[in-house]
N, C-alpha and C. Protein backbone atom coordinates (compact mmCIF):
# COMPACT_ATOMS: atom_id res chain seq x y z
N MET A 1 -66.52 132.07 36.31
CA MET A 1 -65.35 132.92 36.71
C MET A 1 -65.84 134.09 37.49
N LYS A 2 -65.14 134.25 38.68
CA LYS A 2 -65.40 135.36 39.58
C LYS A 2 -64.22 136.27 39.58
N ILE A 3 -64.44 137.55 39.40
CA ILE A 3 -63.36 138.54 39.37
C ILE A 3 -63.70 139.57 40.46
N ARG A 4 -62.78 139.67 41.47
CA ARG A 4 -63.03 140.57 42.55
C ARG A 4 -61.86 141.54 42.72
N PRO A 5 -62.14 142.78 43.01
CA PRO A 5 -61.04 143.72 43.23
C PRO A 5 -60.31 143.39 44.53
N MET A 6 -58.99 143.57 44.49
CA MET A 6 -58.22 143.35 45.72
C MET A 6 -58.22 144.68 46.52
N GLY A 7 -57.46 144.71 47.61
CA GLY A 7 -57.42 145.93 48.40
C GLY A 7 -56.57 147.04 47.88
N ILE A 8 -55.93 146.79 46.72
CA ILE A 8 -55.17 147.78 46.08
C ILE A 8 -55.77 148.16 44.74
N GLU A 9 -56.04 149.40 44.51
CA GLU A 9 -56.67 149.84 43.25
C GLU A 9 -55.77 149.39 42.10
N GLY A 10 -56.45 148.73 41.11
CA GLY A 10 -55.72 148.29 39.90
C GLY A 10 -55.31 146.80 39.96
N ALA A 11 -55.72 146.13 41.07
CA ALA A 11 -55.42 144.68 41.21
C ALA A 11 -56.73 143.90 41.38
N TRP A 12 -56.77 142.80 40.73
CA TRP A 12 -57.97 141.90 40.77
C TRP A 12 -57.55 140.49 40.99
N GLU A 13 -58.35 139.71 41.72
CA GLU A 13 -58.14 138.26 41.83
C GLU A 13 -59.24 137.56 41.03
N ILE A 14 -58.84 136.57 40.26
CA ILE A 14 -59.77 135.84 39.39
C ILE A 14 -59.85 134.41 39.85
N SER A 15 -61.03 133.91 40.09
CA SER A 15 -61.28 132.50 40.53
C SER A 15 -62.10 131.83 39.42
N PRO A 16 -61.49 130.89 38.70
CA PRO A 16 -62.22 130.23 37.63
C PRO A 16 -63.15 129.15 38.13
N GLN A 17 -64.16 128.77 37.37
CA GLN A 17 -64.99 127.65 37.65
C GLN A 17 -64.37 126.42 36.96
N GLN A 18 -64.13 125.33 37.73
CA GLN A 18 -63.55 124.13 37.17
C GLN A 18 -64.61 123.10 36.95
N PHE A 19 -64.52 122.44 35.77
CA PHE A 19 -65.50 121.35 35.42
C PHE A 19 -64.66 120.09 35.37
N THR A 20 -65.02 119.12 36.22
CA THR A 20 -64.28 117.90 36.27
C THR A 20 -65.19 116.69 35.93
N ASP A 21 -64.52 115.66 35.36
CA ASP A 21 -65.17 114.39 35.15
C ASP A 21 -64.08 113.31 35.13
N PRO A 22 -64.40 112.07 34.88
CA PRO A 22 -63.37 111.00 34.98
C PRO A 22 -62.18 111.21 34.05
N ARG A 23 -62.32 112.05 32.99
CA ARG A 23 -61.23 112.30 32.08
C ARG A 23 -60.25 113.30 32.61
N GLY A 24 -60.67 114.19 33.52
CA GLY A 24 -59.83 115.28 34.01
C GLY A 24 -60.61 116.52 34.31
N LEU A 25 -60.15 117.67 33.88
CA LEU A 25 -60.89 118.87 34.14
C LEU A 25 -60.77 119.91 33.02
N PHE A 26 -61.62 120.94 33.05
CA PHE A 26 -61.55 122.02 32.06
C PHE A 26 -61.93 123.24 32.80
N LEU A 27 -61.23 124.37 32.43
CA LEU A 27 -61.58 125.67 32.97
C LEU A 27 -61.15 126.78 32.02
N GLU A 28 -61.78 127.92 32.15
CA GLU A 28 -61.38 129.17 31.46
C GLU A 28 -60.53 129.92 32.43
N TRP A 29 -59.20 130.03 32.11
CA TRP A 29 -58.39 130.77 33.08
C TRP A 29 -58.20 132.24 32.66
N TYR A 30 -58.64 132.56 31.43
CA TYR A 30 -58.63 133.98 31.01
C TYR A 30 -59.75 134.19 30.06
N ARG A 31 -60.49 135.34 30.29
CA ARG A 31 -61.53 135.77 29.41
C ARG A 31 -61.38 137.29 29.23
N PHE A 32 -60.97 137.68 28.04
CA PHE A 32 -60.70 139.06 27.79
C PHE A 32 -61.92 139.96 28.02
N ASP A 33 -63.15 139.45 27.63
CA ASP A 33 -64.35 140.23 27.79
C ASP A 33 -64.74 140.42 29.27
N ARG A 34 -64.62 139.35 30.07
CA ARG A 34 -64.95 139.42 31.49
C ARG A 34 -63.95 140.37 32.22
N LEU A 35 -62.67 140.20 31.88
CA LEU A 35 -61.70 141.06 32.53
C LEU A 35 -61.85 142.52 32.10
N ALA A 36 -62.12 142.77 30.84
CA ALA A 36 -62.35 144.14 30.31
C ALA A 36 -63.54 144.77 31.03
N GLU A 37 -64.59 144.02 31.27
CA GLU A 37 -65.77 144.55 31.99
C GLU A 37 -65.39 144.99 33.39
N ALA A 38 -64.52 144.22 34.04
CA ALA A 38 -64.12 144.58 35.38
C ALA A 38 -63.14 145.77 35.40
N VAL A 39 -62.16 145.72 34.50
CA VAL A 39 -61.06 146.67 34.52
C VAL A 39 -61.44 148.00 33.84
N GLY A 40 -62.25 147.91 32.80
CA GLY A 40 -62.62 149.09 32.06
C GLY A 40 -62.09 149.12 30.65
N HIS A 41 -61.13 148.22 30.34
CA HIS A 41 -60.61 148.15 29.02
C HIS A 41 -59.93 146.77 28.78
N PRO A 42 -59.82 146.30 27.59
CA PRO A 42 -59.21 144.99 27.33
C PRO A 42 -57.72 145.04 27.70
N LEU A 43 -57.22 143.86 28.02
CA LEU A 43 -55.79 143.67 28.23
C LEU A 43 -55.16 143.47 26.86
N ARG A 44 -54.23 144.37 26.44
CA ARG A 44 -53.56 144.15 25.21
C ARG A 44 -52.47 143.11 25.38
N LEU A 45 -52.58 142.00 24.65
CA LEU A 45 -51.59 140.92 24.81
C LEU A 45 -50.45 141.14 23.87
N ALA A 46 -49.30 141.52 24.47
CA ALA A 46 -48.11 141.81 23.76
C ALA A 46 -47.01 140.79 23.89
N GLN A 47 -47.04 140.08 25.07
CA GLN A 47 -46.02 139.09 25.36
C GLN A 47 -46.58 138.07 26.39
N ALA A 48 -46.19 136.81 26.24
CA ALA A 48 -46.54 135.79 27.21
C ALA A 48 -45.31 135.09 27.74
N ASN A 49 -45.19 134.92 29.07
CA ASN A 49 -43.97 134.34 29.65
C ASN A 49 -44.32 133.17 30.50
N ILE A 50 -43.31 132.29 30.66
CA ILE A 50 -43.35 131.15 31.62
C ILE A 50 -42.14 131.29 32.50
N SER A 51 -42.37 131.12 33.81
CA SER A 51 -41.34 131.16 34.78
C SER A 51 -41.36 129.95 35.64
N VAL A 52 -40.26 129.23 35.82
CA VAL A 52 -40.15 128.06 36.61
C VAL A 52 -39.13 128.32 37.74
N SER A 53 -39.56 128.01 38.98
CA SER A 53 -38.74 128.37 40.14
C SER A 53 -38.67 127.23 41.14
N ALA A 54 -37.51 127.07 41.81
CA ALA A 54 -37.36 126.13 42.87
C ALA A 54 -38.02 126.73 44.11
N ARG A 55 -38.32 125.85 45.05
CA ARG A 55 -38.89 126.23 46.31
C ARG A 55 -38.01 127.35 47.00
N ASP A 56 -38.67 128.32 47.55
CA ASP A 56 -38.03 129.45 48.29
C ASP A 56 -37.46 130.51 47.36
N VAL A 57 -37.56 130.35 46.05
CA VAL A 57 -37.12 131.45 45.17
C VAL A 57 -38.06 132.63 45.33
N VAL A 58 -37.54 133.84 45.47
CA VAL A 58 -38.37 135.04 45.45
C VAL A 58 -37.96 135.88 44.25
N ARG A 59 -38.89 136.20 43.44
CA ARG A 59 -38.65 137.08 42.27
C ARG A 59 -39.40 138.39 42.44
N GLY A 60 -38.76 139.50 42.18
CA GLY A 60 -39.39 140.81 42.36
C GLY A 60 -38.57 141.63 43.37
N VAL A 61 -39.11 142.76 43.64
CA VAL A 61 -40.33 143.38 43.25
C VAL A 61 -40.07 144.22 42.01
N HIS A 62 -40.78 143.88 40.89
CA HIS A 62 -40.57 144.55 39.60
C HIS A 62 -41.69 145.45 39.22
N PHE A 63 -41.36 146.50 38.51
CA PHE A 63 -42.33 147.44 37.97
C PHE A 63 -41.75 148.15 36.75
N ALA A 64 -42.59 148.84 35.98
CA ALA A 64 -42.17 149.48 34.71
C ALA A 64 -42.65 150.91 34.70
N ASP A 65 -41.89 151.76 33.93
CA ASP A 65 -42.28 153.14 33.78
C ASP A 65 -43.66 153.24 33.18
N VAL A 66 -44.42 154.22 33.66
CA VAL A 66 -45.73 154.54 33.13
C VAL A 66 -45.74 155.97 32.61
N PRO A 67 -46.18 156.22 31.37
CA PRO A 67 -46.54 155.20 30.36
C PRO A 67 -45.30 154.55 29.73
N PRO A 68 -45.48 153.36 29.10
CA PRO A 68 -46.78 152.56 29.01
C PRO A 68 -46.97 151.63 30.13
N GLY A 69 -45.96 151.37 30.92
CA GLY A 69 -46.06 150.45 32.03
C GLY A 69 -46.21 149.01 31.47
N GLN A 70 -46.57 148.09 32.35
CA GLN A 70 -46.85 146.73 31.91
C GLN A 70 -47.87 146.08 32.84
N ALA A 71 -49.06 145.92 32.35
CA ALA A 71 -50.07 145.22 33.10
C ALA A 71 -49.77 143.69 32.97
N LYS A 72 -50.15 142.93 33.95
CA LYS A 72 -49.85 141.47 33.93
C LYS A 72 -51.08 140.68 34.43
N TYR A 73 -51.21 139.51 33.80
CA TYR A 73 -52.28 138.53 34.18
C TYR A 73 -51.55 137.26 34.42
N ILE A 74 -51.60 136.78 35.69
CA ILE A 74 -50.68 135.69 36.14
C ILE A 74 -51.46 134.52 36.67
N THR A 75 -51.09 133.30 36.39
CA THR A 75 -51.61 132.14 37.01
C THR A 75 -50.46 131.09 37.20
N CYS A 76 -50.72 130.13 38.09
CA CYS A 76 -49.71 129.09 38.36
C CYS A 76 -50.24 127.80 37.79
N VAL A 77 -49.51 127.23 36.84
CA VAL A 77 -49.94 126.03 36.16
C VAL A 77 -49.32 124.77 36.76
N ARG A 78 -48.32 124.93 37.66
CA ARG A 78 -47.76 123.74 38.35
C ARG A 78 -47.19 124.21 39.67
N GLY A 79 -47.50 123.42 40.70
CA GLY A 79 -47.01 123.81 42.03
C GLY A 79 -47.80 124.94 42.65
N ALA A 80 -47.12 125.78 43.41
CA ALA A 80 -47.74 126.89 44.11
C ALA A 80 -46.79 127.99 44.36
N VAL A 81 -47.31 129.25 44.35
CA VAL A 81 -46.58 130.40 44.69
C VAL A 81 -47.43 131.34 45.54
N LEU A 82 -46.80 132.23 46.29
CA LEU A 82 -47.50 133.33 46.87
C LEU A 82 -47.21 134.52 45.98
N ASP A 83 -48.21 134.97 45.25
CA ASP A 83 -48.11 136.07 44.34
C ASP A 83 -48.40 137.37 45.09
N VAL A 84 -47.53 138.35 44.95
CA VAL A 84 -47.60 139.60 45.74
C VAL A 84 -47.69 140.81 44.85
N VAL A 85 -48.67 141.66 45.15
CA VAL A 85 -48.90 142.94 44.47
C VAL A 85 -48.53 144.02 45.52
N VAL A 86 -47.73 144.96 45.07
CA VAL A 86 -47.29 146.07 45.96
C VAL A 86 -47.62 147.37 45.31
N ASP A 87 -48.21 148.30 46.07
CA ASP A 87 -48.50 149.62 45.57
C ASP A 87 -47.26 150.51 45.76
N LEU A 88 -46.59 150.75 44.65
CA LEU A 88 -45.42 151.57 44.68
C LEU A 88 -45.68 153.02 44.11
N ARG A 89 -46.97 153.29 43.88
CA ARG A 89 -47.31 154.59 43.23
C ARG A 89 -47.31 155.74 44.24
N LEU A 90 -46.40 156.66 44.07
CA LEU A 90 -46.36 157.80 44.95
C LEU A 90 -47.65 158.66 44.85
N GLY A 91 -48.21 158.95 45.97
CA GLY A 91 -49.49 159.66 46.00
C GLY A 91 -50.73 158.76 46.11
N SER A 92 -50.52 157.48 45.97
CA SER A 92 -51.63 156.52 46.06
C SER A 92 -52.20 156.52 47.50
N PRO A 93 -53.52 156.38 47.70
CA PRO A 93 -54.06 156.25 49.03
C PRO A 93 -53.63 154.97 49.68
N THR A 94 -53.13 153.98 48.90
CA THR A 94 -52.68 152.68 49.48
C THR A 94 -51.21 152.50 49.26
N PHE A 95 -50.47 153.58 49.11
CA PHE A 95 -49.01 153.50 48.93
C PHE A 95 -48.34 152.62 49.92
N LEU A 96 -47.52 151.68 49.47
CA LEU A 96 -46.79 150.69 50.25
C LEU A 96 -47.63 149.56 50.78
N ARG A 97 -48.93 149.52 50.46
CA ARG A 97 -49.72 148.33 50.85
C ARG A 97 -49.35 147.19 49.93
N TRP A 98 -49.26 146.02 50.49
CA TRP A 98 -49.02 144.87 49.70
C TRP A 98 -50.08 143.79 50.01
N GLU A 99 -50.37 142.92 49.04
CA GLU A 99 -51.34 141.88 49.24
C GLU A 99 -50.89 140.65 48.50
N GLY A 100 -50.98 139.55 49.20
CA GLY A 100 -50.55 138.22 48.62
C GLY A 100 -51.71 137.36 48.29
N VAL A 101 -51.66 136.65 47.22
CA VAL A 101 -52.62 135.64 46.83
C VAL A 101 -51.92 134.34 46.47
N ARG A 102 -52.37 133.25 47.07
CA ARG A 102 -51.81 131.93 46.75
C ARG A 102 -52.37 131.50 45.40
N LEU A 103 -51.38 131.28 44.44
CA LEU A 103 -51.78 130.76 43.15
C LEU A 103 -51.18 129.32 43.07
N ASP A 104 -52.02 128.37 42.68
CA ASP A 104 -51.55 127.01 42.63
C ASP A 104 -52.34 126.22 41.58
N ASP A 105 -51.96 124.96 41.45
CA ASP A 105 -52.56 124.08 40.44
C ASP A 105 -53.77 123.32 41.00
N THR A 106 -54.31 123.80 42.11
CA THR A 106 -55.52 123.20 42.67
C THR A 106 -56.71 124.11 42.48
N ASP A 107 -56.63 125.32 43.08
CA ASP A 107 -57.69 126.33 42.85
C ASP A 107 -57.59 127.08 41.56
N ARG A 108 -56.39 127.13 41.00
CA ARG A 108 -56.06 127.73 39.67
C ARG A 108 -56.54 129.16 39.56
N ARG A 109 -56.38 129.95 40.64
CA ARG A 109 -56.72 131.34 40.60
C ARG A 109 -55.68 132.07 39.73
N ALA A 110 -56.05 133.30 39.41
CA ALA A 110 -55.20 134.20 38.62
C ALA A 110 -55.20 135.59 39.27
N VAL A 111 -54.19 136.40 38.98
CA VAL A 111 -54.14 137.76 39.47
C VAL A 111 -53.89 138.68 38.26
N TYR A 112 -54.57 139.80 38.22
CA TYR A 112 -54.38 140.87 37.27
C TYR A 112 -53.92 142.11 38.01
N LEU A 113 -52.77 142.69 37.54
CA LEU A 113 -52.36 143.97 38.10
C LEU A 113 -52.16 144.99 36.99
N ALA A 114 -52.58 146.21 37.23
CA ALA A 114 -52.45 147.28 36.30
C ALA A 114 -51.12 147.90 36.24
N GLU A 115 -50.90 148.70 35.20
CA GLU A 115 -49.65 149.41 35.05
C GLU A 115 -49.32 150.27 36.28
N GLY A 116 -48.08 150.22 36.69
CA GLY A 116 -47.58 151.02 37.78
C GLY A 116 -47.49 150.29 39.12
N LEU A 117 -48.11 149.09 39.17
CA LEU A 117 -48.02 148.34 40.47
C LEU A 117 -46.81 147.46 40.46
N GLY A 118 -46.23 147.20 41.62
CA GLY A 118 -45.09 146.27 41.76
C GLY A 118 -45.54 144.89 41.88
N HIS A 119 -44.75 143.97 41.41
CA HIS A 119 -45.10 142.55 41.42
C HIS A 119 -43.91 141.68 41.85
N GLY A 120 -44.24 140.63 42.59
CA GLY A 120 -43.24 139.60 42.95
C GLY A 120 -43.90 138.37 43.38
N PHE A 121 -43.18 137.27 43.57
CA PHE A 121 -43.76 136.10 44.09
C PHE A 121 -42.70 135.23 44.76
N CYS A 122 -43.15 134.32 45.60
CA CYS A 122 -42.27 133.34 46.29
C CYS A 122 -42.82 131.99 45.94
N ALA A 123 -41.90 131.11 45.48
CA ALA A 123 -42.23 129.73 45.10
C ALA A 123 -42.40 128.91 46.42
N LEU A 124 -43.58 128.28 46.52
CA LEU A 124 -43.91 127.47 47.71
C LEU A 124 -43.50 126.01 47.47
N THR A 125 -43.28 125.65 46.23
CA THR A 125 -42.94 124.25 45.87
C THR A 125 -41.79 124.25 44.87
N ASP A 126 -41.15 123.13 44.69
CA ASP A 126 -40.17 123.01 43.63
C ASP A 126 -40.92 123.02 42.26
N ASP A 127 -40.21 123.51 41.25
CA ASP A 127 -40.75 123.54 39.86
C ASP A 127 -42.10 124.33 39.83
N ALA A 128 -42.22 125.33 40.69
CA ALA A 128 -43.39 126.16 40.63
C ALA A 128 -43.37 126.89 39.29
N THR A 129 -44.46 126.79 38.53
CA THR A 129 -44.45 127.29 37.17
C THR A 129 -45.60 128.32 37.02
N ILE A 130 -45.30 129.52 36.72
CA ILE A 130 -46.32 130.54 36.46
C ILE A 130 -46.30 130.90 34.98
N ALA A 131 -47.45 131.21 34.51
CA ALA A 131 -47.66 131.65 33.11
C ALA A 131 -48.34 133.05 33.24
N TYR A 132 -47.82 133.98 32.43
CA TYR A 132 -48.44 135.32 32.52
C TYR A 132 -48.42 136.06 31.23
N PHE A 133 -49.49 136.79 30.97
CA PHE A 133 -49.63 137.67 29.85
C PHE A 133 -49.18 139.08 30.25
N CYS A 134 -48.61 139.80 29.31
CA CYS A 134 -48.10 141.16 29.57
C CYS A 134 -48.67 142.06 28.49
N SER A 135 -49.01 143.29 28.88
CA SER A 135 -49.57 144.28 27.96
C SER A 135 -48.55 144.95 27.06
N THR A 136 -47.29 144.87 27.40
CA THR A 136 -46.22 145.41 26.59
C THR A 136 -45.05 144.41 26.54
N THR A 137 -44.17 144.51 25.56
CA THR A 137 -43.01 143.68 25.49
C THR A 137 -41.94 144.20 26.46
N TYR A 138 -41.04 143.29 26.75
CA TYR A 138 -39.97 143.61 27.70
C TYR A 138 -39.09 144.77 27.17
N ASN A 139 -38.93 145.76 28.02
CA ASN A 139 -38.16 146.94 27.66
C ASN A 139 -37.17 147.25 28.80
N PRO A 140 -35.93 146.72 28.67
CA PRO A 140 -34.94 146.87 29.78
C PRO A 140 -34.81 148.31 30.28
N SER A 141 -34.85 149.28 29.40
CA SER A 141 -34.58 150.67 29.83
C SER A 141 -35.75 151.20 30.70
N GLY A 142 -36.89 150.59 30.59
CA GLY A 142 -38.09 151.07 31.37
C GLY A 142 -38.45 150.18 32.50
N GLU A 143 -37.62 149.15 32.78
CA GLU A 143 -37.91 148.21 33.85
C GLU A 143 -37.14 148.56 35.10
N HIS A 144 -37.74 148.37 36.24
CA HIS A 144 -37.11 148.70 37.54
C HIS A 144 -37.43 147.64 38.56
N THR A 145 -36.66 147.63 39.63
CA THR A 145 -36.90 146.68 40.70
C THR A 145 -36.61 147.35 42.10
N VAL A 146 -37.26 146.90 43.10
CA VAL A 146 -37.02 147.32 44.44
C VAL A 146 -36.67 146.00 45.26
N HIS A 147 -35.69 146.10 46.15
CA HIS A 147 -35.30 144.91 46.86
C HIS A 147 -36.46 144.25 47.59
N PRO A 148 -36.75 143.00 47.31
CA PRO A 148 -37.95 142.36 47.89
C PRO A 148 -37.89 142.17 49.41
N LEU A 149 -36.71 142.25 50.00
CA LEU A 149 -36.57 142.05 51.45
C LEU A 149 -36.42 143.42 52.15
N ASP A 150 -36.68 144.46 51.48
CA ASP A 150 -36.55 145.81 52.12
C ASP A 150 -37.55 145.93 53.26
N GLU A 151 -37.03 146.27 54.45
CA GLU A 151 -37.86 146.31 55.63
C GLU A 151 -39.02 147.38 55.48
N GLU A 152 -38.76 148.44 54.70
CA GLU A 152 -39.72 149.46 54.55
C GLU A 152 -40.96 148.87 53.79
N LEU A 153 -40.73 147.93 52.88
CA LEU A 153 -41.85 147.27 52.19
C LEU A 153 -42.59 146.35 53.16
N GLY A 154 -41.79 145.65 53.95
CA GLY A 154 -42.45 144.81 55.03
C GLY A 154 -43.19 143.62 54.45
N ILE A 155 -42.81 143.11 53.32
CA ILE A 155 -43.49 141.91 52.78
C ILE A 155 -43.13 140.68 53.57
N GLU A 156 -44.20 139.93 53.97
CA GLU A 156 -43.98 138.76 54.76
C GLU A 156 -43.88 137.54 53.85
N TRP A 157 -42.64 137.37 53.32
CA TRP A 157 -42.43 136.25 52.38
C TRP A 157 -42.44 134.94 53.17
N PRO A 158 -43.09 133.91 52.68
CA PRO A 158 -43.20 132.63 53.41
C PRO A 158 -41.97 131.74 53.16
N SER A 159 -40.82 132.30 53.50
CA SER A 159 -39.54 131.55 53.37
C SER A 159 -38.60 132.06 54.38
N ARG A 160 -37.85 131.17 55.08
CA ARG A 160 -36.81 131.58 56.01
C ARG A 160 -35.49 131.88 55.31
N ALA A 161 -35.37 131.34 54.11
CA ALA A 161 -34.09 131.60 53.36
C ALA A 161 -34.41 131.86 51.88
N PRO A 162 -34.96 133.07 51.62
CA PRO A 162 -35.30 133.43 50.20
C PRO A 162 -34.12 133.36 49.25
N LEU A 163 -34.30 132.80 48.11
CA LEU A 163 -33.29 132.73 47.08
C LEU A 163 -33.59 133.80 46.02
N LEU A 164 -32.63 134.72 45.82
CA LEU A 164 -32.82 135.81 44.88
C LEU A 164 -31.85 135.73 43.78
N SER A 165 -32.29 136.29 42.62
CA SER A 165 -31.36 136.41 41.49
C SER A 165 -30.30 137.49 41.82
N ALA A 166 -29.25 137.49 41.05
CA ALA A 166 -28.21 138.56 41.27
C ALA A 166 -28.82 139.96 41.06
N ARG A 167 -29.72 140.07 40.10
CA ARG A 167 -30.29 141.36 39.86
C ARG A 167 -31.18 141.84 41.08
N ASP A 168 -32.01 140.93 41.55
CA ASP A 168 -32.89 141.27 42.71
C ASP A 168 -32.08 141.48 43.96
N ALA A 169 -31.02 140.67 44.19
CA ALA A 169 -30.20 140.88 45.36
C ALA A 169 -29.50 142.20 45.36
N ALA A 170 -29.19 142.76 44.16
CA ALA A 170 -28.49 144.02 44.08
C ALA A 170 -29.51 145.21 43.87
N ALA A 171 -30.81 144.93 43.98
CA ALA A 171 -31.83 145.96 43.71
C ALA A 171 -31.74 147.07 44.74
N PRO A 172 -32.10 148.29 44.34
CA PRO A 172 -32.08 149.40 45.34
C PRO A 172 -33.22 149.23 46.37
N SER A 173 -33.01 149.83 47.50
CA SER A 173 -34.06 149.91 48.53
C SER A 173 -35.17 150.79 48.04
N LEU A 174 -36.26 150.79 48.75
CA LEU A 174 -37.39 151.69 48.37
C LEU A 174 -36.93 153.11 48.50
N ALA A 175 -36.18 153.45 49.53
CA ALA A 175 -35.73 154.84 49.76
C ALA A 175 -34.84 155.28 48.55
N GLN A 176 -33.97 154.39 48.10
CA GLN A 176 -33.08 154.69 46.99
C GLN A 176 -33.87 154.87 45.69
N ALA A 177 -34.87 154.01 45.49
CA ALA A 177 -35.69 154.15 44.28
C ALA A 177 -36.48 155.45 44.29
N ARG A 178 -36.93 155.82 45.47
CA ARG A 178 -37.67 157.09 45.59
C ARG A 178 -36.73 158.26 45.30
N SER A 179 -35.54 158.21 45.90
CA SER A 179 -34.57 159.30 45.65
C SER A 179 -34.17 159.40 44.22
N ALA A 180 -34.09 158.27 43.56
CA ALA A 180 -33.76 158.24 42.13
C ALA A 180 -34.86 158.71 41.19
N GLY A 181 -36.07 158.85 41.77
CA GLY A 181 -37.17 159.34 40.97
C GLY A 181 -37.73 158.32 39.98
N VAL A 182 -37.63 157.03 40.37
CA VAL A 182 -38.10 155.99 39.37
C VAL A 182 -39.42 155.43 39.82
N LEU A 183 -39.92 155.70 41.04
CA LEU A 183 -41.22 155.18 41.46
C LEU A 183 -42.32 155.77 40.63
N PRO A 184 -43.34 154.99 40.30
CA PRO A 184 -44.44 155.52 39.50
C PRO A 184 -45.21 156.65 40.31
N GLN A 185 -45.84 157.52 39.53
CA GLN A 185 -46.67 158.54 40.11
C GLN A 185 -48.12 158.12 40.02
N TYR A 186 -48.86 158.13 41.13
CA TYR A 186 -50.24 157.70 41.15
C TYR A 186 -51.07 158.46 40.12
N ALA A 187 -50.91 159.82 40.09
CA ALA A 187 -51.75 160.58 39.22
C ALA A 187 -51.51 160.25 37.76
N ILE A 188 -50.19 160.02 37.36
CA ILE A 188 -49.93 159.69 36.02
C ILE A 188 -50.51 158.27 35.68
N CYS A 189 -50.45 157.34 36.62
CA CYS A 189 -50.99 155.99 36.39
C CYS A 189 -52.50 156.10 36.23
N ARG A 190 -53.17 156.91 37.06
CA ARG A 190 -54.60 157.09 36.91
C ARG A 190 -55.02 157.70 35.58
N ASP A 191 -54.24 158.71 35.13
CA ASP A 191 -54.50 159.33 33.85
C ASP A 191 -54.31 158.36 32.69
N TYR A 192 -53.24 157.53 32.82
CA TYR A 192 -53.01 156.55 31.78
C TYR A 192 -54.12 155.49 31.72
N ALA A 193 -54.61 155.07 32.90
CA ALA A 193 -55.74 154.11 32.92
C ALA A 193 -56.96 154.73 32.33
N VAL A 194 -57.24 155.99 32.60
CA VAL A 194 -58.42 156.65 31.99
C VAL A 194 -58.27 156.74 30.49
N SER A 195 -57.06 156.98 29.98
CA SER A 195 -56.85 157.02 28.55
C SER A 195 -57.12 155.62 27.91
N LEU A 196 -56.73 154.59 28.59
CA LEU A 196 -57.02 153.23 28.11
C LEU A 196 -58.48 152.93 28.08
N ASP A 197 -59.22 153.40 29.18
CA ASP A 197 -60.65 153.23 29.30
C ASP A 197 -61.34 153.94 28.13
N ALA A 198 -60.87 155.15 27.83
CA ALA A 198 -61.51 155.99 26.79
C ALA A 198 -61.27 155.35 25.44
N GLY A 199 -60.18 154.66 25.27
CA GLY A 199 -59.86 154.09 23.96
C GLY A 199 -60.45 152.70 23.76
N ALA A 200 -61.12 152.14 24.81
CA ALA A 200 -61.71 150.80 24.70
C ALA A 200 -62.79 150.78 23.62
N HIS A 201 -62.83 149.73 22.82
CA HIS A 201 -63.85 149.57 21.82
C HIS A 201 -65.13 149.17 22.49
N PRO A 202 -66.25 149.85 22.13
CA PRO A 202 -67.51 149.52 22.81
C PRO A 202 -67.92 148.06 22.73
N GLY A 203 -67.49 147.42 21.70
CA GLY A 203 -67.85 145.98 21.51
C GLY A 203 -67.05 145.05 22.39
N LEU A 204 -66.03 145.57 23.08
CA LEU A 204 -65.18 144.74 23.89
C LEU A 204 -65.49 144.74 25.41
N VAL A 205 -66.38 145.63 25.76
CA VAL A 205 -66.64 145.77 27.18
C VAL A 205 -68.14 145.67 27.41
């Protein structure tokens, strides 16, 4: 398993080693100790989700209040998606940078994103199925979204006709989210990450 930092602080791409034989294949798609070594603290597993999407569905861009925020560890178990991480943290040196990683059932990569980062994806195939771990349970009052097609974000979604949920289609623009004061603060996110690092059990990293 290779874990490399992405171009946005708090985001990592994970490439597993696959072992194949005539029976099929085996891989470790998640290792809490290897991830903790890279990130600085273990991922607290509070909730696991499955999402199935038709081709051209775009979900996101979603983020949560920090603290506690919601870190995510995502992989695609069927089909393919372009998984997108967006830096929405005000004051971040990479504010508004986005990076996409193809997740599919061939290379079986995964993406980890820390609390405070925005997340979305576009389904590249029908029945694209992603599985993801979350560090906190779903909290509607602390969840937010920014319109994924906002020109200020400038995300290059690989679809000519993106399909959005009613919630995402009605999401505020980045400017509206900023005016409403809901965007995460980089300094607060950093302080929260440091507190998680400090609380990590020595035996886990």
